[in-house]
Protein backbone atom coordinates (compact mmCIF):
# COMPACT_ATOMS: atom_id res chain seq x y z
CA GLN A 1 66.65 46.48 -11.04
CA VAL A 2 65.62 42.84 -12.61
CA ASN A 3 68.75 41.25 -10.68
CA SER A 4 68.41 43.13 -7.94
CA SER A 5 64.76 41.70 -7.75
CA ASN A 6 65.84 38.05 -8.18
CA ALA A 7 68.90 38.48 -5.63
CA ILE A 8 66.13 39.99 -2.58
CA SER A 9 63.84 36.86 -3.93
CA GLU A 10 66.49 34.36 -3.55
CA LEU A 11 67.54 35.66 -0.32
CA ASP A 12 63.71 35.60 0.87
CA GLU A 13 62.99 32.07 -0.10
CA GLU A 14 66.78 31.39 1.55
CA PHE A 15 65.68 32.73 4.80
CA GLU A 16 62.24 31.37 4.85
CA GLY A 17 63.92 28.11 4.52
CA LEU A 18 66.29 28.41 7.16
CA TYR A 19 63.62 29.99 9.48
CA SER A 20 61.95 26.35 8.68
CA ILE A 21 64.43 24.75 9.70
CA LEU A 22 64.83 26.47 12.94
CA ASP A 23 61.43 26.01 13.92
CA GLU A 24 61.25 22.25 13.07
CA MET A 25 64.74 22.13 15.48
CA LYS A 26 62.85 24.03 18.37
CA GLU A 27 59.86 21.61 18.20
CA SER A 28 62.17 19.12 18.10
CA MET A 29 63.94 19.74 20.94
CA ALA A 30 60.80 21.20 23.51
CA ASN A 31 59.80 17.87 22.75
CA THR A 32 62.58 15.89 23.59
CA ILE A 33 62.90 18.33 26.64
CA GLN A 34 58.88 17.31 27.21
CA GLN A 35 59.85 14.03 26.90
CA GLU A 36 62.84 14.11 29.46
CA GLU A 37 60.80 15.86 32.15
CA ALA A 38 57.83 13.63 31.54
CA ARG A 39 60.32 10.65 32.54
CA LYS A 40 62.37 12.20 35.43
CA ILE A 41 58.94 13.21 36.90
CA GLN A 42 57.97 9.38 36.79
CA ALA A 43 60.68 8.10 38.61
CA LEU A 44 60.62 10.69 41.59
CA GLN A 45 57.17 9.46 41.61
CA ASP A 46 58.44 5.87 41.91
CA GLN A 47 60.99 7.10 44.13
CA LEU A 48 58.47 8.71 46.54
CA SER A 49 56.31 5.40 46.20
CA GLN A 50 59.29 3.16 47.35
CA CYS A 51 59.60 5.57 50.20
CA SER A 52 56.46 5.82 51.09
CA ASN A 53 56.33 2.25 51.23
CA ALA A 54 59.33 1.57 53.53
CA LEU A 55 58.17 4.30 55.66
CA GLU A 56 55.21 2.26 56.22
CA SER A 57 57.21 -0.60 57.05
CA SER A 58 59.47 0.73 59.80
CA GLU A 59 55.91 2.56 61.91
CA GLU A 60 54.39 -1.44 61.64
CA LEU A 61 57.76 -2.59 62.55
CA LEU A 62 58.14 -0.18 65.86
CA GLU A 63 54.57 -0.87 66.21
CA LEU A 64 55.29 -4.62 66.47
CA ALA A 65 58.84 -4.16 68.14
CA ALA A 66 56.99 -2.30 71.03
CA GLN A 67 53.93 -4.37 71.40
CA SER A 68 56.90 -7.16 71.71
CA LEU A 69 58.13 -5.35 74.82
CA ASP A 70 55.03 -6.33 76.70
CA ILE A 71 54.90 -10.02 75.76
CA LYS A 72 56.10 -12.05 78.99
CA ASP A 73 55.83 -15.59 77.67
CA PRO A 74 58.63 -16.84 75.62
CA VAL A 75 56.44 -18.45 73.22
CA GLU A 76 54.63 -15.92 72.07
CA PHE A 77 57.92 -13.58 72.16
CA LEU A 78 59.46 -15.80 70.02
CA LYS A 79 56.73 -15.93 67.38
CA VAL A 80 56.85 -11.90 67.15
CA GLU A 81 60.18 -12.12 66.72
CA ASN A 82 59.86 -14.45 63.62
CA ILE A 83 57.23 -11.80 62.48
CA GLU A 84 59.79 -8.85 63.08
CA GLN A 85 62.35 -10.43 61.05
CA MET A 86 59.94 -10.93 58.16
CA CYS A 87 59.16 -7.48 58.20
CA ILE A 88 62.87 -6.58 58.26
CA ARG A 89 63.43 -8.29 55.33
CA GLN A 90 60.17 -6.88 53.48
CA MET A 91 61.35 -3.72 54.25
CA LEU A 92 64.84 -4.22 53.23
CA VAL A 93 63.34 -5.08 49.56
CA PHE A 94 61.87 -1.89 49.54
CA LEU A 95 65.18 -0.18 49.66
């Protein structure tokens, strides 16, 4: 009877120890997953911001190009062309 009680007590202690280890591992893994999720969300938000900036630059460039089609004076046209080239360079930086 005493040996049986001791064996059960030892098994209970071992089970509790193993359960505690598993619980710690679960918490650690859950924390790792949350950190990875946060990192990926931040990366996606950064990409979205870059794409929004590139889209805005593209829209501005299209507006400028459309306006330049109406310019008759060659000197003014060259000024606009230089501005367009600067816009293109800026847009490429976002990409």
